[in-house]
Amino acid sequence: MDSSFLHELVPCQENKLARRKLLKSLLAVASGYTAARLLLDPYAVGASSPLPQDAAVANVDADTIHYSFGETQIEGYLAKPKGDSKYPAILVIHDRAGLNGSVRDVTKRFAAEGFVAMAPDLLSGAGGTGKFKGPEVAAAVNRIPINIGLDDLKAGFEYLQKNPNVDPQKISVVGFGWGGWRAFSLASMEPDLYRTVVFYASTPVNGLEDVHAPVLANYAQFDFRNTGNAIPTRNQMKELGKKFSYFDYPNTYAGFFSPGPRFDSDAAKLAWSRTLDFLRS
């Protein structure tokens, strides 16, 4: 279900606490959903990264952090290289599986590559991803009002800007599936964003004229819902004078980067390499 209508129910000028109470009430019904609900996002599963875990991760510090937005404490997972230097940073946006082990692993892998990486749990306002079980997670994520999720991400961007180990001029965002649309949207809201990467995500209908950061999109060939956006998005971004590039990975489905039945090792490794090159460019 598209939750965009909820934006009209929660005007920006309303008290933040009231908005959070609405979010909690909306998400409470998610616990009664059955496994059939997972069909909305069948690839949003898994608990470990498809990327190889090697000795580089041993040089990473990682921990749970919290930052505030209004009356809400947002939980996140932050990983960084050991040491007190300044590094480029990445805001990692989870898909409908929430902030799970796979997202934490990818966050650590970014840190092993020389980034400060932080993945917020966008279900924090409803008690966190851990409060929900199995298909309840995807159902709950689907009910996060768009404006509340984007507010939490903007606050996460500001958290990284203030981190003493972050180069504030080089903060990028990477979003997967459900989080990819939000990464693209954040690019239209944060003029100081350095780079934007999206995986098998739809393109926002509005706001592309305000995108300042270059955008890289990774699409799956058999993702018939989103990959068809590639050429129209490229053309529209070109007309607007924006930088947009994309790759279409043959014989893959949405979710090819995440553990689960749609994981594709070769495509995941190639997308990882291309993403790192883009973020470092």
C-alpha atoms as a PDB file:
ATOM      1  CA  MET A   1       0.000   0.000   0.000  1.00  0.00           C
ATOM      2  CA  ASP A   2       1.293   3.433  -0.922  1.00  0.00           C
ATOM      3  CA  SER A   3       1.523   5.459   2.302  1.00  0.00           C
ATOM      4  CA  SER A   4       1.805   8.817   0.558  1.00  0.00           C
ATOM      5  CA  PHE A   5      -1.748   9.731   1.551  1.00  0.00           C
ATOM      6  CA  LEU A   6      -0.552   9.809   5.158  1.00  0.00           C
ATOM      7  CA  HIS A   7       1.432  12.927   4.370  1.00  0.00           C
ATOM      8  CA  GLU A   8      -1.845  14.806   4.229  1.00  0.00           C
ATOM      9  CA  LEU A   9      -2.862  13.403   7.603  1.00  0.00           C
ATOM     10  CA  VAL A  10       0.294  14.639   9.339  1.00  0.00           C
ATOM     11  CA  PRO A  11       0.939  18.279   8.386  1.00  0.00           C
ATOM     12  CA  CYS A  12       4.481  19.502   8.980  1.00  0.00           C
ATOM     13  CA  GLN A  13       3.365  22.213  11.378  1.00  0.00           C
ATOM     14  CA  GLU A  14       1.774  19.733  13.806  1.00  0.00           C
ATOM     15  CA  ASN A  15       3.510  18.851  17.003  1.00  0.00           C
ATOM     16  CA  LYS A  16       6.161  16.181  16.435  1.00  0.00           C
ATOM     17  CA  LEU A  17       4.939  14.133  19.376  1.00  0.00           C
ATOM     18  CA  ALA A  18       1.451  13.921  17.907  1.00  0.00           C
ATOM     19  CA  ARG A  19       2.897  12.684  14.652  1.00  0.00           C
ATOM     20  CA  ARG A  20       4.860   9.988  16.449  1.00  0.00           C
ATOM     21  CA  LYS A  21       1.745   8.815  18.298  1.00  0.00           C
ATOM     22  CA  LEU A  22      -0.020   8.521  14.953  1.00  0.00           C
ATOM     23  CA  LEU A  23       2.891   6.503  13.576  1.00  0.00           C
ATOM     24  CA  LYS A  24       2.751   4.096  16.521  1.00  0.00           C
ATOM     25  CA  SER A  25      -0.992   3.571  16.129  1.00  0.00           C
ATOM     26  CA  LEU A  26      -0.658   2.972  12.395  1.00  0.00           C
ATOM     27  CA  LEU A  27       2.130   0.457  12.854  1.00  0.00           C
ATOM     28  CA  ALA A  28       0.419  -1.397  15.679  1.00  0.00           C
ATOM     29  CA  VAL A  29      -1.930  -3.101  13.233  1.00  0.00           C
ATOM     30  CA  ALA A  30       1.035  -4.568  11.396  1.00  0.00           C
ATOM     31  CA  SER A  31       1.515  -7.249  14.048  1.00  0.00           C
ATOM     32  CA  GLY A  32      -1.672  -8.990  12.929  1.00  0.00           C
ATOM     33  CA  TYR A  33      -0.595  -9.469   9.332  1.00  0.00           C
ATOM     34  CA  THR A  34       0.083 -12.958   8.005  1.00  0.00           C
ATOM     35  CA  ALA A  35       2.999 -14.241   5.974  1.00  0.00           C
ATOM     36  CA  ALA A  36       1.127 -13.463   2.783  1.00  0.00           C
ATOM     37  CA  ARG A  37       1.940  -9.828   3.415  1.00  0.00           C
ATOM     38  CA  LEU A  38       5.571 -10.606   2.655  1.00  0.00           C
ATOM     39  CA  LEU A  39       4.593 -11.096  -0.966  1.00  0.00           C
ATOM     40  CA  LEU A  40       4.649  -7.314  -1.219  1.00  0.00           C
ATOM     41  CA  ASP A  41       8.413  -7.469  -0.771  1.00  0.00           C
ATOM     42  CA  PRO A  42       9.606 -11.078  -1.059  1.00  0.00           C
ATOM     43  CA  TYR A  43      13.295 -10.186  -1.267  1.00  0.00           C
ATOM     44  CA  ALA A  44      13.371  -8.169   1.966  1.00  0.00           C
ATOM     45  CA  VAL A  45      14.663 -11.063   4.035  1.00  0.00           C
ATOM     46  CA  GLY A  46      17.962 -12.334   5.339  1.00  0.00           C
ATOM     47  CA  ALA A  47      20.340 -11.814   8.212  1.00  0.00           C
ATOM     48  CA  SER A  48      23.827 -11.786   6.718  1.00  0.00           C
ATOM     49  CA  SER A  49      25.662  -9.887   4.013  1.00  0.00           C
ATOM     50  CA  PRO A  50      26.233 -11.440   0.563  1.00  0.00           C
ATOM     51  CA  LEU A  51      29.638  -9.753   0.574  1.00  0.00           C
ATOM     52  CA  PRO A  52      32.685 -11.710   1.726  1.00  0.00           C
ATOM     53  CA  GLN A  53      33.647 -11.140   5.332  1.00  0.00           C
ATOM     54  CA  ASP A  54      37.407 -10.772   5.525  1.00  0.00           C
ATOM     55  CA  ALA A  55      40.125  -9.440   7.796  1.00  0.00           C
ATOM     56  CA  ALA A  56      39.342  -5.844   6.807  1.00  0.00           C
ATOM     57  CA  VAL A  57      36.263  -5.877   9.049  1.00  0.00           C
ATOM     58  CA  ALA A  58      38.558  -6.433  12.018  1.00  0.00           C
ATOM     59  CA  ASN A  59      39.762  -2.864  11.543  1.00  0.00           C
ATOM     60  CA  VAL A  60      36.255  -1.478  12.049  1.00  0.00           C
ATOM     61  CA  ASP A  61      34.586  -0.093  15.166  1.00  0.00           C
ATOM     62  CA  ALA A  62      30.810  -0.589  15.168  1.00  0.00           C
ATOM     63  CA  ASP A  63      28.102   0.121  17.709  1.00  0.00           C
ATOM     64  CA  THR A  64      24.483   1.116  18.199  1.00  0.00           C
ATOM     65  CA  ILE A  65      23.940   4.874  18.397  1.00  0.00           C
ATOM     66  CA  HIS A  66      20.977   7.185  19.020  1.00  0.00           C
ATOM     67  CA  TYR A  67      20.098  10.603  17.714  1.00  0.00           C
ATOM     68  CA  SER A  68      17.087  12.806  18.309  1.00  0.00           C
ATOM     69  CA  PHE A  69      14.382  14.173  16.088  1.00  0.00           C
ATOM     70  CA  GLY A  70      11.777  16.114  17.985  1.00  0.00           C
ATOM     71  CA  GLU A  71      10.547  13.925  20.835  1.00  0.00           C
ATOM     72  CA  THR A  72      11.828  10.715  19.252  1.00  0.00           C
ATOM     73  CA  GLN A  73      15.086   8.858  19.856  1.00  0.00           C
ATOM     74  CA  ILE A  74      16.112   7.204  16.614  1.00  0.00           C
ATOM     75  CA  GLU A  75      18.325   4.159  16.890  1.00  0.00           C
ATOM     76  CA  GLY A  76      21.019   3.531  14.334  1.00  0.00           C
ATOM     77  CA  TYR A  77      23.995   1.330  13.651  1.00  0.00           C
ATOM     78  CA  LEU A  78      27.281   3.173  13.078  1.00  0.00           C
ATOM     79  CA  ALA A  79      30.532   1.665  11.802  1.00  0.00           C
ATOM     80  CA  LYS A  80      33.807   3.447  11.122  1.00  0.00           C
ATOM     81  CA  PRO A  81      37.464   2.655  10.492  1.00  0.00           C
ATOM     82  CA  LYS A  82      39.553   2.420  13.645  1.00  0.00           C
ATOM     83  CA  GLY A  83      41.340   5.685  14.385  1.00  0.00           C
ATOM     84  CA  ASP A  84      40.488   9.350  14.743  1.00  0.00           C
ATOM     85  CA  SER A  85      40.939  10.619  11.182  1.00  0.00           C
ATOM     86  CA  LYS A  86      38.201  12.266   9.120  1.00  0.00           C
ATOM     87  CA  TYR A  87      36.503  10.041   6.579  1.00  0.00           C
ATOM     88  CA  PRO A  88      33.789  10.363   3.948  1.00  0.00           C
ATOM     89  CA  ALA A  89      30.441   9.131   5.255  1.00  0.00           C
ATOM     90  CA  ILE A  90      27.455   7.144   4.038  1.00  0.00           C
ATOM     91  CA  LEU A  91      23.867   7.143   5.272  1.00  0.00           C
ATOM     92  CA  VAL A  92      22.573   3.613   4.589  1.00  0.00           C
ATOM     93  CA  ILE A  93      18.790   3.272   4.150  1.00  0.00           C
ATOM     94  CA  HIS A  94      17.307  -0.168   4.736  1.00  0.00           C
ATOM     95  CA  ASP A  95      14.634  -1.847   2.657  1.00  0.00           C
ATOM     96  CA  ARG A  96      11.376  -3.337   3.961  1.00  0.00           C
ATOM     97  CA  ALA A  97      13.306  -5.843   6.057  1.00  0.00           C
ATOM     98  CA  GLY A  98      14.236  -3.004   8.421  1.00  0.00           C
ATOM     99  CA  LEU A  99      17.547  -2.620  10.213  1.00  0.00           C
ATOM    100  CA  ASN A 100      18.532  -6.288  10.211  1.00  0.00           C
ATOM    101  CA  GLY A 101      21.800  -8.216  10.198  1.00  0.00           C
ATOM    102  CA  SER A 102      22.251  -7.808   6.459  1.00  0.00           C
ATOM    103  CA  VAL A 103      22.097  -4.011   6.705  1.00  0.00           C
ATOM    104  CA  ARG A 104      24.520  -4.022   9.631  1.00  0.00           C
ATOM    105  CA  ASP A 105      26.949  -6.176   7.648  1.00  0.00           C
ATOM    106  CA  VAL A 106      26.826  -3.877   4.626  1.00  0.00           C
ATOM    107  CA  THR A 107      27.351  -0.903   6.934  1.00  0.00           C
ATOM    108  CA  LYS A 108      30.474  -2.579   8.347  1.00  0.00           C
ATOM    109  CA  ARG A 109      31.709  -3.339   4.847  1.00  0.00           C
ATOM    110  CA  PHE A 110      31.468   0.337   3.941  1.00  0.00           C
ATOM    111  CA  ALA A 111      33.487   1.128   7.051  1.00  0.00           C
ATOM    112  CA  ALA A 112      36.103  -1.438   6.029  1.00  0.00           C
ATOM    113  CA  GLU A 113      36.399   0.477   2.756  1.00  0.00           C
ATOM    114  CA  GLY A 114      37.201   3.736   4.540  1.00  0.00           C
ATOM    115  CA  PHE A 115      33.802   5.318   5.231  1.00  0.00           C
ATOM    116  CA  VAL A 116      31.922   6.257   8.364  1.00  0.00           C
ATOM    117  CA  ALA A 117      28.625   4.481   7.688  1.00  0.00           C
ATOM    118  CA  MET A 118      25.395   4.837   9.638  1.00  0.00           C
ATOM    119  CA  ALA A 119      22.139   2.951   9.109  1.00  0.00           C
ATOM    120  CA  PRO A 120      19.138   4.392  10.972  1.00  0.00           C
ATOM    121  CA  ASP A 121      16.260   2.180  12.042  1.00  0.00           C
ATOM    122  CA  LEU A 122      13.288   3.961  10.523  1.00  0.00           C
ATOM    123  CA  LEU A 123      10.978   1.866  12.702  1.00  0.00           C
ATOM    124  CA  SER A 124      12.417   3.512  15.825  1.00  0.00           C
ATOM    125  CA  GLY A 125       9.255   5.565  16.335  1.00  0.00           C
ATOM    126  CA  ALA A 126       7.290   2.318  16.608  1.00  0.00           C
ATOM    127  CA  GLY A 127       9.676   0.487  18.915  1.00  0.00           C
ATOM    128  CA  GLY A 128      12.336  -0.582  16.417  1.00  0.00           C
ATOM    129  CA  THR A 129      12.742  -3.380  13.888  1.00  0.00           C
ATOM    130  CA  GLY A 130      13.293  -5.925  16.663  1.00  0.00           C
ATOM    131  CA  LYS A 131       9.761  -5.411  17.926  1.00  0.00           C
ATOM    132  CA  PHE A 132       8.336  -7.093  14.817  1.00  0.00           C
ATOM    133  CA  LYS A 133       8.726 -10.681  13.660  1.00  0.00           C
ATOM    134  CA  GLY A 134       8.972 -12.170  10.186  1.00  0.00           C
ATOM    135  CA  PRO A 135       6.536 -10.636   7.689  1.00  0.00           C
ATOM    136  CA  GLU A 136       5.364  -8.151  10.314  1.00  0.00           C
ATOM    137  CA  VAL A 137       8.530  -6.113   9.620  1.00  0.00           C
ATOM    138  CA  ALA A 138       7.693  -5.463   5.965  1.00  0.00           C
ATOM    139  CA  ALA A 139       4.097  -4.663   6.872  1.00  0.00           C
ATOM    140  CA  ALA A 140       5.263  -2.200   9.528  1.00  0.00           C
ATOM    141  CA  VAL A 141       7.784  -0.508   7.255  1.00  0.00           C
ATOM    142  CA  ASN A 142       5.090  -0.047   4.619  1.00  0.00           C
ATOM    143  CA  ARG A 143       3.137   2.006   7.143  1.00  0.00           C
ATOM    144  CA  ILE A 144       5.817   4.561   7.932  1.00  0.00           C
ATOM    145  CA  PRO A 145       4.409   7.901   6.759  1.00  0.00           C
ATOM    146  CA  ILE A 146       6.648   9.341   4.054  1.00  0.00           C
ATOM    147  CA  ASN A 147       7.277  12.648   5.775  1.00  0.00           C
ATOM    148  CA  ILE A 148       8.236  11.031   9.097  1.00  0.00           C
ATOM    149  CA  GLY A 149      10.719   8.695   7.407  1.00  0.00           C
ATOM    150  CA  LEU A 150      12.312  11.555   5.482  1.00  0.00           C
ATOM    151  CA  ASP A 151      12.474  13.702   8.614  1.00  0.00           C
ATOM    152  CA  ASP A 152      14.343  10.905  10.382  1.00  0.00           C
ATOM    153  CA  LEU A 153      16.777  10.641   7.476  1.00  0.00           C
ATOM    154  CA  LYS A 154      17.428  14.384   7.415  1.00  0.00           C
ATOM    155  CA  ALA A 155      18.173  14.216  11.122  1.00  0.00           C
ATOM    156  CA  GLY A 156      20.533  11.315  10.421  1.00  0.00           C
ATOM    157  CA  PHE A 157      22.328  13.384   7.797  1.00  0.00           C
ATOM    158  CA  GLU A 158      22.748  16.181  10.336  1.00  0.00           C
ATOM    159  CA  TYR A 159      24.036  13.655  12.884  1.00  0.00           C
ATOM    160  CA  LEU A 160      26.771  12.616  10.463  1.00  0.00           C
ATOM    161  CA  GLN A 161      27.625  16.246   9.708  1.00  0.00           C
ATOM    162  CA  LYS A 162      28.395  16.762  13.400  1.00  0.00           C
ATOM    163  CA  ASN A 163      30.388  13.550  13.835  1.00  0.00           C
ATOM    164  CA  PRO A 164      34.049  14.474  14.523  1.00  0.00           C
ATOM    165  CA  ASN A 165      35.284  11.612  12.304  1.00  0.00           C
ATOM    166  CA  VAL A 166      33.255  12.714   9.267  1.00  0.00           C
ATOM    167  CA  ASP A 167      34.266  14.988   6.426  1.00  0.00           C
ATOM    168  CA  PRO A 168      31.018  17.005   6.226  1.00  0.00           C
ATOM    169  CA  GLN A 169      31.643  17.819   2.561  1.00  0.00           C
ATOM    170  CA  LYS A 170      31.527  14.147   1.573  1.00  0.00           C
ATOM    171  CA  ILE A 171      28.382  12.605   3.017  1.00  0.00           C
ATOM    172  CA  SER A 172      26.575  10.287   0.606  1.00  0.00           C
ATOM    173  CA  VAL A 173      23.445   8.148   0.802  1.00  0.00           C
ATOM    174  CA  VAL A 174      22.829   4.561  -0.340  1.00  0.00           C
ATOM    175  CA  GLY A 175      19.318   3.114  -0.345  1.00  0.00           C
ATOM    176  CA  PHE A 176      18.004  -0.379  -1.094  1.00  0.00           C
ATOM    177  CA  GLY A 177      14.553  -1.104  -2.522  1.00  0.00           C
ATOM    178  CA  TRP A 178      12.079   0.755  -0.312  1.00  0.00           C
ATOM    179  CA  GLY A 179      15.039   2.792   0.957  1.00  0.00           C
ATOM    180  CA  GLY A 180      16.174   3.608  -2.573  1.00  0.00           C
ATOM    181  CA  TRP A 181      13.214   5.878  -3.265  1.00  0.00           C
ATOM    182  CA  ARG A 182      13.926   7.644   0.005  1.00  0.00           C
ATOM    183  CA  ALA A 183      17.596   8.034  -0.885  1.00  0.00           C
ATOM    184  CA  PHE A 184      16.579   9.639  -4.184  1.00  0.00           C
ATOM    185  CA  SER A 185      14.113  11.884  -2.348  1.00  0.00           C
ATOM    186  CA  LEU A 186      16.733  12.903   0.212  1.00  0.00           C
ATOM    187  CA  ALA A 187      18.928  14.014  -2.682  1.00  0.00           C
ATOM    188  CA  SER A 188      16.304  16.618  -3.559  1.00  0.00           C
ATOM    189  CA  MET A 189      16.102  17.840   0.039  1.00  0.00           C
ATOM    190  CA  GLU A 190      19.786  18.029   1.046  1.00  0.00           C
ATOM    191  CA  PRO A 191      21.821  20.337  -1.199  1.00  0.00           C
ATOM    192  CA  ASP A 192      25.008  19.329   0.639  1.00  0.00           C
ATOM    193  CA  LEU A 193      24.672  15.631  -0.200  1.00  0.00           C
ATOM    194  CA  TYR A 194      27.797  14.374  -1.999  1.00  0.00           C
ATOM    195  CA  ARG A 195      26.616  11.247  -3.865  1.00  0.00           C
ATOM    196  CA  THR A 196      23.419   9.186  -4.094  1.00  0.00           C
ATOM    197  CA  VAL A 197      23.194   5.456  -4.869  1.00  0.00           C
ATOM    198  CA  VAL A 198      19.938   3.546  -5.275  1.00  0.00           C
ATOM    199  CA  PHE A 199      19.326  -0.165  -5.732  1.00  0.00           C
ATOM    200  CA  TYR A 200      16.202  -1.350  -7.602  1.00  0.00           C
ATOM    201  CA  ALA A 201      14.160   1.664  -6.576  1.00  0.00           C
ATOM    202  CA  SER A 202      11.422   3.777  -8.088  1.00  0.00           C
ATOM    203  CA  THR A 203      12.068   7.386  -9.052  1.00  0.00           C
ATOM    204  CA  PRO A 204      10.328  10.205  -7.156  1.00  0.00           C
ATOM    205  CA  VAL A 205       7.687  11.946  -9.235  1.00  0.00           C
ATOM    206  CA  ASN A 206       8.563  15.366  -7.843  1.00  0.00           C
ATOM    207  CA  GLY A 207      11.734  17.136  -6.796  1.00  0.00           C
ATOM    208  CA  LEU A 208      14.257  16.010  -9.407  1.00  0.00           C
ATOM    209  CA  GLU A 209      14.927  19.638 -10.302  1.00  0.00           C
ATOM    210  CA  ASP A 210      16.307  20.103  -6.772  1.00  0.00           C
ATOM    211  CA  VAL A 211      18.756  17.186  -6.914  1.00  0.00           C
ATOM    212  CA  HIS A 212      22.330  18.459  -6.641  1.00  0.00           C
ATOM    213  CA  ALA A 213      24.269  15.262  -5.990  1.00  0.00           C
ATOM    214  CA  PRO A 214      25.186  12.879  -8.828  1.00  0.00           C
ATOM    215  CA  VAL A 215      22.992   9.756  -8.763  1.00  0.00           C
ATOM    216  CA  LEU A 216      23.927   6.144  -9.560  1.00  0.00           C
ATOM    217  CA  ALA A 217      21.151   3.573  -9.948  1.00  0.00           C
ATOM    218  CA  ASN A 218      21.573  -0.223  -9.921  1.00  0.00           C
ATOM    219  CA  TYR A 219      18.630  -1.989 -11.571  1.00  0.00           C
ATOM    220  CA  ALA A 220      17.672  -5.656 -11.945  1.00  0.00           C
ATOM    221  CA  GLN A 221      16.688  -6.814 -15.428  1.00  0.00           C
ATOM    222  CA  PHE A 222      13.597  -8.663 -14.262  1.00  0.00           C
ATOM    223  CA  ASP A 223      12.400  -5.995 -11.855  1.00  0.00           C
ATOM    224  CA  PHE A 224       9.502  -4.949 -14.046  1.00  0.00           C
ATOM    225  CA  ARG A 225       8.200  -2.528 -11.448  1.00  0.00           C
ATOM    226  CA  ASN A 226      11.260  -0.267 -11.299  1.00  0.00           C
ATOM    227  CA  THR A 227      13.741  -0.922 -14.108  1.00  0.00           C
ATOM    228  CA  GLY A 228      11.414   0.653 -16.652  1.00  0.00           C
ATOM    229  CA  ASN A 229      12.137   3.952 -14.894  1.00  0.00           C
ATOM    230  CA  ALA A 230      15.768   3.910 -16.009  1.00  0.00           C
ATOM    231  CA  ILE A 231      15.559   5.568 -19.409  1.00  0.00           C
ATOM    232  CA  PRO A 232      12.802   8.091 -18.529  1.00  0.00           C
ATOM    233  CA  THR A 233      14.743   9.038 -15.388  1.00  0.00           C
ATOM    234  CA  ARG A 234      17.961   9.415 -17.378  1.00  0.00           C
ATOM    235  CA  ASN A 235      16.221  11.602 -19.936  1.00  0.00           C
ATOM    236  CA  GLN A 236      14.505  13.778 -17.354  1.00  0.00           C
ATOM    237  CA  MET A 237      17.682  14.226 -15.324  1.00  0.00           C
ATOM    238  CA  LYS A 238      19.581  15.135 -18.488  1.00  0.00           C
ATOM    239  CA  GLU A 239      16.985  17.750 -19.414  1.00  0.00           C
ATOM    240  CA  LEU A 240      17.347  19.217 -15.935  1.00  0.00           C
ATOM    241  CA  GLY A 241      21.132  19.301 -16.206  1.00  0.00           C
ATOM    242  CA  LYS A 242      21.570  16.664 -13.475  1.00  0.00           C
ATOM    243  CA  LYS A 243      24.094  13.826 -13.317  1.00  0.00           C
ATOM    244  CA  PHE A 244      22.480  10.397 -13.489  1.00  0.00           C
ATOM    245  CA  SER A 245      23.982   7.070 -14.500  1.00  0.00           C
ATOM    246  CA  TYR A 246      22.655   3.542 -14.196  1.00  0.00           C
ATOM    247  CA  PHE A 247      23.475  -0.122 -14.697  1.00  0.00           C
ATOM    248  CA  ASP A 248      21.031  -2.891 -15.563  1.00  0.00           C
ATOM    249  CA  TYR A 249      22.196  -6.283 -14.267  1.00  0.00           C
ATOM    250  CA  PRO A 250      21.205  -9.125 -16.658  1.00  0.00           C
ATOM    251  CA  ASN A 251      19.174 -12.079 -15.446  1.00  0.00           C
ATOM    252  CA  THR A 252      18.595 -10.612 -11.990  1.00  0.00           C
ATOM    253  CA  TYR A 253      15.575  -9.752  -9.881  1.00  0.00           C
ATOM    254  CA  ALA A 254      15.024  -6.965  -7.380  1.00  0.00           C
ATOM    255  CA  GLY A 255      16.897  -7.978  -4.271  1.00  0.00           C
ATOM    256  CA  PHE A 256      19.898  -9.449  -6.081  1.00  0.00           C
ATOM    257  CA  PHE A 257      22.221  -7.702  -3.600  1.00  0.00           C
ATOM    258  CA  SER A 258      20.527  -9.036  -0.466  1.00  0.00           C
ATOM    259  CA  PRO A 259      20.636 -12.567   0.996  1.00  0.00           C
ATOM    260  CA  GLY A 260      17.658 -14.636   0.008  1.00  0.00           C
ATOM    261  CA  PRO A 261      16.252 -16.502  -2.991  1.00  0.00           C
ATOM    262  CA  ARG A 262      16.991 -13.619  -5.375  1.00  0.00           C
ATOM    263  CA  PHE A 263      20.609 -13.093  -4.389  1.00  0.00           C
ATOM    264  CA  ASP A 264      23.039 -13.105  -7.328  1.00  0.00           C
ATOM    265  CA  SER A 265      26.683 -13.308  -6.273  1.00  0.00           C
ATOM    266  CA  ASP A 266      28.220 -12.005  -9.507  1.00  0.00           C
ATOM    267  CA  ALA A 267      25.806  -9.089  -9.805  1.00  0.00           C
ATOM    268  CA  ALA A 268      26.201  -8.214  -6.107  1.00  0.00           C
ATOM    269  CA  LYS A 269      29.989  -8.096  -6.359  1.00  0.00           C
ATOM    270  CA  LEU A 270      29.909  -6.007  -9.529  1.00  0.00           C
ATOM    271  CA  ALA A 271      27.354  -3.582  -8.082  1.00  0.00           C
ATOM    272  CA  TRP A 272      29.462  -3.282  -4.924  1.00  0.00           C
ATOM    273  CA  SER A 273      32.572  -2.419  -6.945  1.00  0.00           C
ATOM    274  CA  ARG A 274      30.727   0.128  -9.067  1.00  0.00           C
ATOM    275  CA  THR A 275      29.133   1.689  -6.005  1.00  0.00           C
ATOM    276  CA  LEU A 276      32.485   2.123  -4.261  1.00  0.00           C
ATOM    277  CA  ASP A 277      34.060   3.648  -7.378  1.00  0.00           C
ATOM    278  CA  PHE A 278      31.178   6.094  -7.652  1.00  0.00           C
ATOM    279  CA  LEU A 279      31.271   7.093  -3.994  1.00  0.00           C
ATOM    280  CA  ARG A 280      35.010   7.713  -4.222  1.00  0.00           C
ATOM    281  CA  SER A 281      34.858   9.714  -7.431  1.00  0.00           C
END
